């Protein structure tokens, strides 16, 4: 019985991608095998209809078409919620005066130390 219940789980994953906030729905979210990444599997999108409610969901469907599993950098994930039912997947712009910001990432220069030590 527990296995059947686990297969019905649904997660809303909100993350930053190239200055935009993505909201997607997935059946499985794990720490994954890649250090520093969140593994997202089984993406769920709404049914295709002739009426386009939000063009960003259609854009997300095209962007993730054929993707079995996606690895998101941990620092780009804003929030992961287990939800009862699927909402609208979407892409929104980050407001210039908004309170969502990318986690600072250390900058590493290639070529090593220039001091010669």
PDB file of N, CA and C in Angstrom:
ATOM      1  N   UNK A   1       0.826  -1.197   0.000  1.00  0.00           N
ATOM      2  CA  UNK A   1       0.000   0.000   0.000  1.00  0.00           C
ATOM      3  C   UNK A   1       0.871   1.263   0.000  1.00  0.00           C
ATOM      4  N   UNK A   2       1.940   1.220   0.731  1.00  0.00           N
ATOM      5  CA  UNK A   2       2.819   2.385   0.823  1.00  0.00           C
ATOM      6  C   UNK A   2       3.413   2.732  -0.539  1.00  0.00           C
ATOM      7  N   UNK A   3       3.784   1.730  -1.350  1.00  0.00           N
ATOM      8  CA  UNK A   3       4.355   1.974  -2.674  1.00  0.00           C
ATOM      9  C   UNK A   3       3.382   2.671  -3.606  1.00  0.00           C
ATOM     10  N   UNK A   4       2.088   2.310  -3.526  1.00  0.00           N
ATOM     11  CA  UNK A   4       1.076   2.940  -4.366  1.00  0.00           C
ATOM     12  C   UNK A   4       0.914   4.400  -4.001  1.00  0.00           C
ATOM     13  N   UNK A   5       1.002   4.681  -2.718  1.00  0.00           N
ATOM     14  CA  UNK A   5       0.853   6.061  -2.267  1.00  0.00           C
ATOM     15  C   UNK A   5       2.046   6.909  -2.718  1.00  0.00           C
ATOM     16  N   UNK A   6       3.243   6.339  -2.639  1.00  0.00           N
ATOM     17  CA  UNK A   6       4.447   7.071  -3.032  1.00  0.00           C
ATOM     18  C   UNK A   6       4.428   7.418  -4.518  1.00  0.00           C
ATOM     19  N   UNK A   7       3.829   6.548  -5.359  1.00  0.00           N
ATOM     20  CA  UNK A   7       3.807   6.807  -6.793  1.00  0.00           C
ATOM     21  C   UNK A   7       2.857   7.954  -7.152  1.00  0.00           C
ATOM     22  N   UNK A   8       1.983   8.345  -6.232  1.00  0.00           N
ATOM     23  CA  UNK A   8       1.042   9.441  -6.480  1.00  0.00           C
ATOM     24  C   UNK A   8       1.557  10.778  -5.948  1.00  0.00           C
ATOM     25  N   UNK A   9       2.736  10.779  -5.388  1.00  0.00           N
ATOM     26  CA  UNK A   9       3.291  12.027  -4.864  1.00  0.00           C
ATOM     27  C   UNK A   9       3.555  12.998  -6.000  1.00  0.00           C
ATOM     28  N   UNK A  10       3.403  14.277  -5.684  1.00  0.00           N
ATOM     29  CA  UNK A  10       3.631  15.320  -6.673  1.00  0.00           C
ATOM     30  C   UNK A  10       4.328  16.486  -5.983  1.00  0.00           C
ATOM     31  N   UNK A  11       5.351  17.002  -6.626  1.00  0.00           N
ATOM     32  CA  UNK A  11       6.143  18.094  -6.062  1.00  0.00           C
ATOM     33  C   UNK A  11       6.128  19.300  -6.996  1.00  0.00           C
ATOM     34  N   UNK A  12       5.996  20.465  -6.390  1.00  0.00           N
ATOM     35  CA  UNK A  12       6.166  21.719  -7.127  1.00  0.00           C
ATOM     36  C   UNK A  12       7.577  22.205  -6.819  1.00  0.00           C
ATOM     37  N   UNK A  13       8.382  22.356  -7.875  1.00  0.00           N
ATOM     38  CA  UNK A  13       9.773  22.769  -7.723  1.00  0.00           C
ATOM     39  C   UNK A  13       9.917  24.162  -8.306  1.00  0.00           C
ATOM     40  N   UNK A  14      10.368  25.091  -7.499  1.00  0.00           N
ATOM     41  CA  UNK A  14      10.576  26.473  -7.924  1.00  0.00           C
ATOM     42  C   UNK A  14      12.074  26.739  -7.898  1.00  0.00           C
ATOM     43  N   UNK A  15      12.608  27.202  -9.038  1.00  0.00           N
ATOM     44  CA  UNK A  15      14.050  27.446  -9.110  1.00  0.00           C
ATOM     45  C   UNK A  15      14.362  28.585 -10.062  1.00  0.00           C
ATOM     46  N   UNK A  16      15.555  29.149  -9.896  1.00  0.00           N
ATOM     47  CA  UNK A  16      16.037  30.222 -10.762  1.00  0.00           C
ATOM     48  C   UNK A  16      16.792  29.630 -11.938  1.00  0.00           C
ATOM     49  N   UNK A  17      16.537  30.162 -13.132  1.00  0.00           N
ATOM     50  CA  UNK A  17      17.249  29.739 -14.328  1.00  0.00           C
ATOM     51  C   UNK A  17      17.428  30.951 -15.230  1.00  0.00           C
ATOM     52  N   UNK A  18      18.650  31.402 -15.394  1.00  0.00           N
ATOM     53  CA  UNK A  18      18.999  32.522 -16.262  1.00  0.00           C
ATOM     54  C   UNK A  18      18.118  33.740 -16.024  1.00  0.00           C
ATOM     55  N   UNK A  19      18.004  34.155 -14.764  1.00  0.00           N
ATOM     56  CA  UNK A  19      17.270  35.365 -14.414  1.00  0.00           C
ATOM     57  C   UNK A  19      15.768  35.221 -14.404  1.00  0.00           C
ATOM     58  N   UNK A  20      15.268  33.998 -14.525  1.00  0.00           N
ATOM     59  CA  UNK A  20      13.827  33.775 -14.502  1.00  0.00           C
ATOM     60  C   UNK A  20      13.498  32.731 -13.438  1.00  0.00           C
ATOM     61  N   UNK A  21      12.279  32.819 -12.912  1.00  0.00           N
ATOM     62  CA  UNK A  21      11.812  31.850 -11.929  1.00  0.00           C
ATOM     63  C   UNK A  21      10.966  30.809 -12.643  1.00  0.00           C
ATOM     64  N   UNK A  22      11.364  29.549 -12.540  1.00  0.00           N
ATOM     65  CA  UNK A  22      10.643  28.421 -13.142  1.00  0.00           C
ATOM     66  C   UNK A  22       9.847  27.717 -12.052  1.00  0.00           C
ATOM     67  N   UNK A  23       8.612  27.358 -12.354  1.00  0.00           N
ATOM     68  CA  UNK A  23       7.792  26.518 -11.480  1.00  0.00           C
ATOM     69  C   UNK A  23       7.393  25.304 -12.290  1.00  0.00           C
ATOM     70  N   UNK A  24       7.857  24.129 -11.875  1.00  0.00           N
ATOM     71  CA  UNK A  24       7.531  22.893 -12.581  1.00  0.00           C
ATOM     72  C   UNK A  24       6.989  21.878 -11.585  1.00  0.00           C
ATOM     73  N   UNK A  25       6.321  20.871 -12.097  1.00  0.00           N
ATOM     74  CA  UNK A  25       5.762  19.803 -11.273  1.00  0.00           C
ATOM     75  C   UNK A  25       6.417  18.496 -11.659  1.00  0.00           C
ATOM     76  N   UNK A  26       6.770  17.691 -10.629  1.00  0.00           N
ATOM     77  CA  UNK A  26       7.465  16.432 -10.869  1.00  0.00           C
ATOM     78  C   UNK A  26       6.978  15.359  -9.911  1.00  0.00           C
ATOM     79  N   UNK A  27       7.097  14.120 -10.342  1.00  0.00           N
ATOM     80  CA  UNK A  27       6.699  12.966  -9.523  1.00  0.00           C
ATOM     81  C   UNK A  27       7.766  12.578  -8.512  1.00  0.00           C
ATOM     82  N   UNK A  28       9.024  12.921  -8.780  1.00  0.00           N
ATOM     83  CA  UNK A  28      10.114  12.507  -7.900  1.00  0.00           C
ATOM     84  C   UNK A  28      11.156  13.614  -7.791  1.00  0.00           C
ATOM     85  N   UNK A  29      11.569  13.889  -6.549  1.00  0.00           N
ATOM     86  CA  UNK A  29      12.636  14.849  -6.284  1.00  0.00           C
ATOM     87  C   UNK A  29      13.566  14.196  -5.257  1.00  0.00           C
ATOM     88  N   UNK A  30      14.854  14.118  -5.592  1.00  0.00           N
ATOM     89  CA  UNK A  30      15.827  13.466  -4.713  1.00  0.00           C
ATOM     90  C   UNK A  30      17.107  14.270  -4.647  1.00  0.00           C
ATOM     91  N   UNK A  31      17.947  13.903  -3.669  1.00  0.00           N
ATOM     92  CA  UNK A  31      19.253  14.526  -3.562  1.00  0.00           C
ATOM     93  C   UNK A  31      20.111  14.144  -4.754  1.00  0.00           C
ATOM     94  N   UNK A  32      19.914  12.954  -5.280  1.00  0.00           N
ATOM     95  CA  UNK A  32      20.596  12.545  -6.500  1.00  0.00           C
ATOM     96  C   UNK A  32      22.026  12.112  -6.282  1.00  0.00           C
ATOM     97  N   UNK A  33      22.645  11.640  -7.346  1.00  0.00           N
ATOM     98  CA  UNK A  33      23.998  11.124  -7.278  1.00  0.00           C
ATOM     99  C   UNK A  33      25.066  12.152  -7.595  1.00  0.00           C
ATOM    100  N   UNK A  34      24.669  13.329  -8.056  1.00  0.00           N
ATOM    101  CA  UNK A  34      25.640  14.382  -8.353  1.00  0.00           C
ATOM    102  C   UNK A  34      25.697  15.358  -7.182  1.00  0.00           C
ATOM    103  N   UNK A  35      26.857  15.495  -6.589  1.00  0.00           N
ATOM    104  CA  UNK A  35      27.033  16.369  -5.439  1.00  0.00           C
ATOM    105  C   UNK A  35      26.650  17.805  -5.789  1.00  0.00           C
ATOM    106  N   UNK A  36      25.795  18.406  -4.976  1.00  0.00           N
ATOM    107  CA  UNK A  36      25.397  19.791  -5.185  1.00  0.00           C
ATOM    108  C   UNK A  36      24.228  19.989  -6.126  1.00  0.00           C
ATOM    109  N   UNK A  37      23.583  18.889  -6.536  1.00  0.00           N
ATOM    110  CA  UNK A  37      22.462  18.975  -7.460  1.00  0.00           C
ATOM    111  C   UNK A  37      21.232  18.280  -6.884  1.00  0.00           C
ATOM    112  N   UNK A  38      20.064  18.783  -7.246  1.00  0.00           N
ATOM    113  CA  UNK A  38      18.793  18.169  -6.897  1.00  0.00           C
ATOM    114  C   UNK A  38      18.286  17.467  -8.150  1.00  0.00           C
ATOM    115  N   UNK A  39      17.938  16.185  -8.014  1.00  0.00           N
ATOM    116  CA  UNK A  39      17.470  15.382  -9.139  1.00  0.00           C
ATOM    117  C   UNK A  39      15.946  15.466  -9.222  1.00  0.00           C
ATOM    118  N   UNK A  40      15.437  15.865 -10.374  1.00  0.00           N
ATOM    119  CA  UNK A  40      13.993  16.012 -10.591  1.00  0.00           C
ATOM    120  C   UNK A  40      13.601  15.075 -11.730  1.00  0.00           C
ATOM    121  N   UNK A  41      12.618  14.200 -11.452  1.00  0.00           N
ATOM    122  CA  UNK A  41      12.201  13.188 -12.438  1.00  0.00           C
ATOM    123  C   UNK A  41      10.695  13.186 -12.605  1.00  0.00           C
ATOM    124  N   UNK A  42      10.248  12.724 -13.756  1.00  0.00           N
ATOM    125  CA  UNK A  42       8.819  12.565 -14.010  1.00  0.00           C
ATOM    126  C   UNK A  42       8.082  13.887 -14.068  1.00  0.00           C
ATOM    127  N   UNK A  43       8.559  14.785 -14.927  1.00  0.00           N
ATOM    128  CA  UNK A  43       7.910  16.095 -15.045  1.00  0.00           C
ATOM    129  C   UNK A  43       6.478  15.928 -15.518  1.00  0.00           C
ATOM    130  N   UNK A  44       5.574  16.734 -14.948  1.00  0.00           N
ATOM    131  CA  UNK A  44       4.145  16.652 -15.246  1.00  0.00           C
ATOM    132  C   UNK A  44       3.701  17.995 -15.809  1.00  0.00           C
ATOM    133  N   UNK A  45       3.074  17.944 -16.982  1.00  0.00           N
ATOM    134  CA  UNK A  45       2.540  19.149 -17.606  1.00  0.00           C
ATOM    135  C   UNK A  45       1.056  18.949 -17.839  1.00  0.00           C
ATOM    136  N   UNK A  46       0.331  20.055 -18.034  1.00  0.00           N
ATOM    137  CA  UNK A  46      -1.103  19.990 -18.297  1.00  0.00           C
ATOM    138  C   UNK A  46      -1.377  19.386 -19.666  1.00  0.00           C
ATOM    139  N   UNK A  47      -2.619  19.045 -19.885  1.00  0.00           N
ATOM    140  CA  UNK A  47      -3.035  18.491 -21.168  1.00  0.00           C
ATOM    141  C   UNK A  47      -2.973  19.577 -22.234  1.00  0.00           C
ATOM    142  N   UNK A  48      -2.584  19.191 -23.441  1.00  0.00           N
ATOM    143  CA  UNK A  48      -2.565  20.151 -24.550  1.00  0.00           C
ATOM    144  C   UNK A  48      -3.994  20.409 -24.991  1.00  0.00           C
ATOM    145  N   UNK A  49      -4.332  21.676 -25.063  1.00  0.00           N
ATOM    146  CA  UNK A  49      -5.663  22.061 -25.531  1.00  0.00           C
ATOM    147  C   UNK A  49      -5.503  23.111 -26.613  1.00  0.00           C
ATOM    148  N   UNK A  50      -6.598  23.462 -27.254  1.00  0.00           N
ATOM    149  CA  UNK A  50      -6.534  24.492 -28.295  1.00  0.00           C
ATOM    150  C   UNK A  50      -6.469  25.882 -27.680  1.00  0.00           C
ATOM    151  N   UNK A  51      -6.910  26.022 -26.424  1.00  0.00           N
ATOM    152  CA  UNK A  51      -6.848  27.305 -25.731  1.00  0.00           C
ATOM    153  C   UNK A  51      -5.566  27.351 -24.905  1.00  0.00           C
ATOM    154  N   UNK A  52      -4.724  28.330 -25.179  1.00  0.00           N
ATOM    155  CA  UNK A  52      -3.488  28.484 -24.430  1.00  0.00           C
ATOM    156  C   UNK A  52      -3.748  29.442 -23.276  1.00  0.00           C
ATOM    157  N   UNK A  53      -3.730  28.891 -22.047  1.00  0.00           N
ATOM    158  CA  UNK A  53      -3.975  29.711 -20.866  1.00  0.00           C
ATOM    159  C   UNK A  53      -2.732  30.518 -20.521  1.00  0.00           C
ATOM    160  N   UNK A  54      -1.586  29.843 -20.494  1.00  0.00           N
ATOM    161  CA  UNK A  54      -0.331  30.509 -20.171  1.00  0.00           C
ATOM    162  C   UNK A  54       0.729  29.993 -21.148  1.00  0.00           C
ATOM    163  N   UNK A  55       1.230  30.849 -22.014  1.00  0.00           N
ATOM    164  CA  UNK A  55       2.211  30.395 -23.001  1.00  0.00           C
ATOM    165  C   UNK A  55       3.509  29.885 -22.375  1.00  0.00           C
ATOM    166  N   UNK A  56       3.804  30.281 -21.119  1.00  0.00           N
ATOM    167  CA  UNK A  56       5.054  29.817 -20.507  1.00  0.00           C
ATOM    168  C   UNK A  56       4.997  28.319 -20.206  1.00  0.00           C
ATOM    169  N   UNK A  57       3.798  27.757 -19.939  1.00  0.00           N
ATOM    170  CA  UNK A  57       3.723  26.306 -19.712  1.00  0.00           C
ATOM    171  C   UNK A  57       4.054  25.564 -21.005  1.00  0.00           C
ATOM    172  N   UNK A  58       3.561  26.079 -22.126  1.00  0.00           N
ATOM    173  CA  UNK A  58       3.871  25.464 -23.416  1.00  0.00           C
ATOM    174  C   UNK A  58       5.367  25.561 -23.705  1.00  0.00           C
ATOM    175  N   UNK A  59       5.965  26.684 -23.356  1.00  0.00           N
ATOM    176  CA  UNK A  59       7.412  26.864 -23.533  1.00  0.00           C
ATOM    177  C   UNK A  59       8.190  25.868 -22.669  1.00  0.00           C
ATOM    178  N   UNK A  60       7.727  25.645 -21.436  1.00  0.00           N
ATOM    179  CA  UNK A  60       8.364  24.672 -20.556  1.00  0.00           C
ATOM    180  C   UNK A  60       8.261  23.259 -21.122  1.00  0.00           C
ATOM    181  N   UNK A  61       7.085  22.927 -21.674  1.00  0.00           N
ATOM    182  CA  UNK A  61       6.901  21.610 -22.286  1.00  0.00           C
ATOM    183  C   UNK A  61       7.901  21.393 -23.417  1.00  0.00           C
ATOM    184  N   UNK A  62       8.086  22.413 -24.245  1.00  0.00           N
ATOM    185  CA  UNK A  62       9.048  22.304 -25.349  1.00  0.00           C
ATOM    186  C   UNK A  62      10.481  22.206 -24.816  1.00  0.00           C
ATOM    187  N   UNK A  63      10.793  23.014 -23.815  1.00  0.00           N
ATOM    188  CA  UNK A  63      12.148  23.035 -23.262  1.00  0.00           C
ATOM    189  C   UNK A  63      12.522  21.696 -22.622  1.00  0.00           C
ATOM    190  N   UNK A  64      11.572  21.058 -21.958  1.00  0.00           N
ATOM    191  CA  UNK A  64      11.845  19.802 -21.264  1.00  0.00           C
ATOM    192  C   UNK A  64      11.378  18.566 -22.035  1.00  0.00           C
ATOM    193  N   UNK A  65      11.001  18.745 -23.297  1.00  0.00           N
ATOM    194  CA  UNK A  65      10.546  17.625 -24.114  1.00  0.00           C
ATOM    195  C   UNK A  65      11.661  16.582 -24.245  1.00  0.00           C
ATOM    196  N   UNK A  66      11.334  15.330 -23.961  1.00  0.00           N
ATOM    197  CA  UNK A  66      12.304  14.246 -24.067  1.00  0.00           C
ATOM    198  C   UNK A  66      13.252  14.126 -22.888  1.00  0.00           C
ATOM    199  N   UNK A  67      13.103  14.982 -21.877  1.00  0.00           N
ATOM    200  CA  UNK A  67      13.972  14.937 -20.701  1.00  0.00           C
ATOM    201  C   UNK A  67      13.418  13.913 -19.715  1.00  0.00           C
ATOM    202  N   UNK A  68      14.239  12.919 -19.393  1.00  0.00           N
ATOM    203  CA  UNK A  68      13.830  11.888 -18.438  1.00  0.00           C
ATOM    204  C   UNK A  68      14.075  12.364 -17.010  1.00  0.00           C
ATOM    205  N   UNK A  69      15.222  13.004 -16.813  1.00  0.00           N
ATOM    206  CA  UNK A  69      15.636  13.434 -15.486  1.00  0.00           C
ATOM    207  C   UNK A  69      16.413  14.725 -15.634  1.00  0.00           C
ATOM    208  N   UNK A  70      16.203  15.648 -14.719  1.00  0.00           N
ATOM    209  CA  UNK A  70      16.906  16.921 -14.770  1.00  0.00           C
ATOM    210  C   UNK A  70      17.652  17.119 -13.452  1.00  0.00           C
ATOM    211  N   UNK A  71      18.851  17.675 -13.519  1.00  0.00           N
ATOM    212  CA  UNK A  71      19.641  17.965 -12.328  1.00  0.00           C
ATOM    213  C   UNK A  71      19.732  19.479 -12.181  1.00  0.00           C
ATOM    214  N   UNK A  72      19.206  19.988 -11.085  1.00  0.00           N
ATOM    215  CA  UNK A  72      19.215  21.422 -10.825  1.00  0.00           C
ATOM    216  C   UNK A  72      20.285  21.743  -9.794  1.00  0.00           C
ATOM    217  N   UNK A  73      21.105  22.762 -10.036  1.00  0.00           N
ATOM    218  CA  UNK A  73      22.087  23.148  -9.016  1.00  0.00           C
ATOM    219  C   UNK A  73      21.357  23.509  -7.716  1.00  0.00           C
ATOM    220  N   UNK A  74      21.840  22.964  -6.612  1.00  0.00           N
ATOM    221  CA  UNK A  74      21.170  23.152  -5.329  1.00  0.00           C
ATOM    222  C   UNK A  74      20.956  24.631  -4.994  1.00  0.00           C
ATOM    223  N   UNK A  75      21.929  25.474  -5.338  1.00  0.00           N
ATOM    224  CA  UNK A  75      21.819  26.889  -5.000  1.00  0.00           C
ATOM    225  C   UNK A  75      20.787  27.632  -5.847  1.00  0.00           C
ATOM    226  N   UNK A  76      20.295  27.004  -6.937  1.00  0.00           N
ATOM    227  CA  UNK A  76      19.276  27.669  -7.759  1.00  0.00           C
ATOM    228  C   UNK A  76      17.857  27.336  -7.302  1.00  0.00           C
ATOM    229  N   UNK A  77      17.719  26.314  -6.441  1.00  0.00           N
ATOM    230  CA  UNK A  77      16.394  25.903  -5.974  1.00  0.00           C
ATOM    231  C   UNK A  77      15.906  26.882  -4.908  1.00  0.00           C
ATOM    232  N   UNK A  78      14.722  27.439  -5.146  1.00  0.00           N
ATOM    233  CA  UNK A  78      14.116  28.369  -4.198  1.00  0.00           C
ATOM    234  C   UNK A  78      13.263  27.609  -3.195  1.00  0.00           C
ATOM    235  N   UNK A  79      12.490  26.616  -3.711  1.00  0.00           N
ATOM    236  CA  UNK A  79      11.545  25.928  -2.844  1.00  0.00           C
ATOM    237  C   UNK A  79      11.077  24.636  -3.510  1.00  0.00           C
ATOM    238  N   UNK A  80      10.815  23.619  -2.687  1.00  0.00           N
ATOM    239  CA  UNK A  80      10.220  22.362  -3.140  1.00  0.00           C
ATOM    240  C   UNK A  80       9.054  22.059  -2.211  1.00  0.00           C
ATOM    241  N   UNK A  81       7.855  21.928  -2.789  1.00  0.00           N
ATOM    242  CA  UNK A  81       6.651  21.637  -2.010  1.00  0.00           C
ATOM    243  C   UNK A  81       6.034  20.337  -2.484  1.00  0.00           C
ATOM    244  N   UNK A  82       5.610  19.484  -1.548  1.00  0.00           N
ATOM    245  CA  UNK A  82       4.786  18.335  -1.920  1.00  0.00           C
ATOM    246  C   UNK A  82       3.358  18.857  -1.966  1.00  0.00           C
ATOM    247  N   UNK A  83       2.679  18.651  -3.087  1.00  0.00           N
ATOM    248  CA  UNK A  83       1.348  19.223  -3.283  1.00  0.00           C
ATOM    249  C   UNK A  83       0.324  18.125  -3.560  1.00  0.00           C
ATOM    250  N   UNK A  84      -0.950  18.466  -3.361  1.00  0.00           N
ATOM    251  CA  UNK A  84      -2.050  17.527  -3.595  1.00  0.00           C
ATOM    252  C   UNK A  84      -2.372  17.379  -5.081  1.00  0.00           C
ATOM    253  N   UNK A  85      -2.339  18.523  -5.805  1.00  0.00           N
ATOM    254  CA  UNK A  85      -2.659  18.467  -7.225  1.00  0.00           C
ATOM    255  C   UNK A  85      -1.806  19.459  -7.993  1.00  0.00           C
ATOM    256  N   UNK A  86      -1.707  19.220  -9.290  1.00  0.00           N
ATOM    257  CA  UNK A  86      -0.879  20.040 -10.153  1.00  0.00           C
ATOM    258  C   UNK A  86      -1.511  21.395 -10.404  1.00  0.00           C
ATOM    259  N   UNK A  87      -0.692  22.408 -10.349  1.00  0.00           N
ATOM    260  CA  UNK A  87      -1.117  23.742 -10.733  1.00  0.00           C
ATOM    261  C   UNK A  87      -0.531  24.065 -12.098  1.00  0.00           C
ATOM    262  N   UNK A  88      -0.479  25.342 -12.413  1.00  0.00           N
ATOM    263  CA  UNK A  88       0.043  25.798 -13.695  1.00  0.00           C
ATOM    264  C   UNK A  88       1.565  25.895 -13.637  1.00  0.00           C
ATOM    265  N   UNK A  89       2.265  25.163 -14.509  1.00  0.00           N
ATOM    266  CA  UNK A  89       3.713  25.340 -14.640  1.00  0.00           C
ATOM    267  C   UNK A  89       3.928  26.690 -15.315  1.00  0.00           C
ATOM    268  N   UNK A  90       4.975  27.397 -14.905  1.00  0.00           N
ATOM    269  CA  UNK A  90       5.173  28.725 -15.503  1.00  0.00           C
ATOM    270  C   UNK A  90       6.597  29.217 -15.357  1.00  0.00           C
ATOM    271  N   UNK A  91       6.883  30.230 -16.142  1.00  0.00           N
ATOM    272  CA  UNK A  91       8.147  30.958 -16.077  1.00  0.00           C
ATOM    273  C   UNK A  91       7.792  32.407 -15.828  1.00  0.00           C
ATOM    274  N   UNK A  92       8.407  33.014 -14.824  1.00  0.00           N
ATOM    275  CA  UNK A  92       8.162  34.429 -14.546  1.00  0.00           C
ATOM    276  C   UNK A  92       9.500  35.153 -14.444  1.00  0.00           C
ATOM    277  N   UNK A  93       9.469  36.416 -14.764  1.00  0.00           N
ATOM    278  CA  UNK A  93      10.664  37.245 -14.654  1.00  0.00           C
ATOM    279  C   UNK A  93      10.884  37.600 -13.186  1.00  0.00           C
ATOM    280  N   UNK A  94      12.144  37.711 -12.798  1.00  0.00           N
ATOM    281  CA  UNK A  94      12.469  38.154 -11.447  1.00  0.00           C
ATOM    282  C   UNK A  94      12.310  39.666 -11.420  1.00  0.00           C
ATOM    283  N   UNK A  95      11.497  40.157 -10.500  1.00  0.00           N
ATOM    284  CA  UNK A  95      11.287  41.602 -10.377  1.00  0.00           C
ATOM    285  C   UNK A  95      12.590  42.262  -9.921  1.00  0.00           C
ATOM    286  N   UNK A  96      12.904  43.390 -10.520  1.00  0.00           N
ATOM    287  CA  UNK A  96      14.137  44.104 -10.166  1.00  0.00           C
ATOM    288  C   UNK A  96      14.169  44.479  -8.681  1.00  0.00           C
ATOM    289  N   UNK A  97      13.014  44.823  -8.130  1.00  0.00           N
ATOM    290  CA  UNK A  97      12.958  45.188  -6.712  1.00  0.00           C
ATOM    291  C   UNK A  97      12.423  44.037  -5.857  1.00  0.00           C
ATOM    292  N   UNK A  98      12.365  42.840  -6.439  1.00  0.00           N
ATOM    293  CA  UNK A  98      11.841  41.674  -5.728  1.00  0.00           C
ATOM    294  C   UNK A  98      12.817  41.152  -4.700  1.00  0.00           C
ATOM    295  N   UNK A  99      12.368  40.167  -3.926  1.00  0.00           N
ATOM    296  CA  UNK A  99      13.213  39.633  -2.869  1.00  0.00           C
ATOM    297  C   UNK A  99      13.774  38.255  -3.222  1.00  0.00           C
ATOM    298  N   UNK A 100      13.778  37.882  -4.507  1.00  0.00           N
ATOM    299  CA  UNK A 100      14.354  36.614  -4.944  1.00  0.00           C
ATOM    300  C   UNK A 100      15.698  36.920  -5.583  1.00  0.00           C
ATOM    301  N   UNK A 101      16.729  36.267  -5.082  1.00  0.00           N
ATOM    302  CA  UNK A 101      18.066  36.477  -5.625  1.00  0.00           C
ATOM    303  C   UNK A 101      18.801  35.154  -5.679  1.00  0.00           C
ATOM    304  N   UNK A 102      19.726  35.057  -6.605  1.00  0.00           N
ATOM    305  CA  UNK A 102      20.543  33.859  -6.704  1.00  0.00           C
ATOM    306  C   UNK A 102      21.486  33.789  -5.517  1.00  0.00           C
ATOM    307  N   UNK A 103      21.711  32.575  -5.030  1.00  0.00           N
ATOM    308  CA  UNK A 103      22.651  32.361  -3.944  1.00  0.00           C
ATOM    309  C   UNK A 103      24.041  32.706  -4.449  1.00  0.00           C
ATOM    310  N   UNK A 104      24.834  33.461  -3.672  1.00  0.00           N
ATOM    311  CA  UNK A 104      26.163  33.824  -4.167  1.00  0.00           C
ATOM    312  C   UNK A 104      27.030  32.582  -4.359  1.00  0.00           C
ATOM    313  N   UNK A 105      27.710  32.531  -5.493  1.00  0.00           N
ATOM    314  CA  UNK A 105      28.554  31.397  -5.824  1.00  0.00           C
ATOM    315  C   UNK A 105      29.993  31.888  -5.875  1.00  0.00           C
ATOM    316  N   UNK A 106      30.928  31.167  -5.239  1.00  0.00           N
ATOM    317  CA  UNK A 106      32.322  31.615  -5.293  1.00  0.00           C
ATOM    318  C   UNK A 106      32.840  31.603  -6.723  1.00  0.00           C
ATOM    319  N   UNK A 107      33.675  32.533  -7.027  1.00  0.00           N
ATOM    320  CA  UNK A 107      34.251  32.643  -8.360  1.00  0.00           C
ATOM    321  C   UNK A 107      35.665  32.085  -8.325  1.00  0.00           C
ATOM    322  N   UNK A 108      35.942  31.128  -9.169  1.00  0.00           N
ATOM    323  CA  UNK A 108      37.271  30.539  -9.257  1.00  0.00           C
ATOM    324  C   UNK A 108      37.898  30.901 -10.579  1.00  0.00           C
ATOM    325  N   UNK A 109      39.076  31.482 -10.519  1.00  0.00           N
ATOM    326  CA  UNK A 109      39.794  31.807 -11.741  1.00  0.00           C
ATOM    327  C   UNK A 109      40.566  30.583 -12.207  1.00  0.00           C
ATOM    328  N   UNK A 110      40.619  30.416 -13.503  1.00  0.00           N
ATOM    329  CA  UNK A 110      41.417  29.315 -14.048  1.00  0.00           C
ATOM    330  C   UNK A 110      42.870  29.768 -14.163  1.00  0.00           C
ATOM    331  N   UNK A 111      43.777  28.850 -14.169  1.00  0.00           N
ATOM    332  CA  UNK A 111      45.188  29.209 -14.347  1.00  0.00           C
ATOM    333  C   UNK A 111      45.967  29.229 -13.049  1.00  0.00           C
ATOM    334  N   UNK A 112      45.324  29.027 -11.930  1.00  0.00           N
ATOM    335  CA  UNK A 112      46.040  28.937 -10.653  1.00  0.00           C
ATOM    336  C   UNK A 112      46.426  30.290 -10.099  1.00  0.00           C
ATOM    337  N   UNK A 113      47.327  30.257  -9.162  1.00  0.00           N
ATOM    338  CA  UNK A 113      47.772  31.449  -8.436  1.00  0.00           C
ATOM    339  C   UNK A 113      48.834  32.188  -9.262  1.00  0.00           C
ATOM    340  N   UNK A 114      48.651  33.477  -9.454  1.00  0.00           N
ATOM    341  CA  UNK A 114      49.604  34.258 -10.262  1.00  0.00           C
ATOM    342  C   UNK A 114      50.798  34.725  -9.458  1.00  0.00           C
ATOM    343  N   UNK A 115      50.823  34.469  -8.119  1.00  0.00           N
ATOM    344  CA  UNK A 115      51.932  34.931  -7.296  1.00  0.00           C
ATOM    345  C   UNK A 115      53.158  34.033  -7.420  1.00  0.00           C
ATOM    346  N   UNK A 116      52.984  32.864  -8.065  1.00  0.00           N
ATOM    347  CA  UNK A 116      54.129  31.986  -8.298  1.00  0.00           C
ATOM    348  C   UNK A 116      54.425  31.051  -7.141  1.00  0.00           C
ATOM    349  N   UNK A 117      53.613  31.017  -6.096  1.00  0.00           N
ATOM    350  CA  UNK A 117      53.896  30.121  -4.966  1.00  0.00           C
ATOM    351  C   UNK A 117      53.282  28.778  -5.130  1.00  0.00           C
TER     352      UNK A 117
END
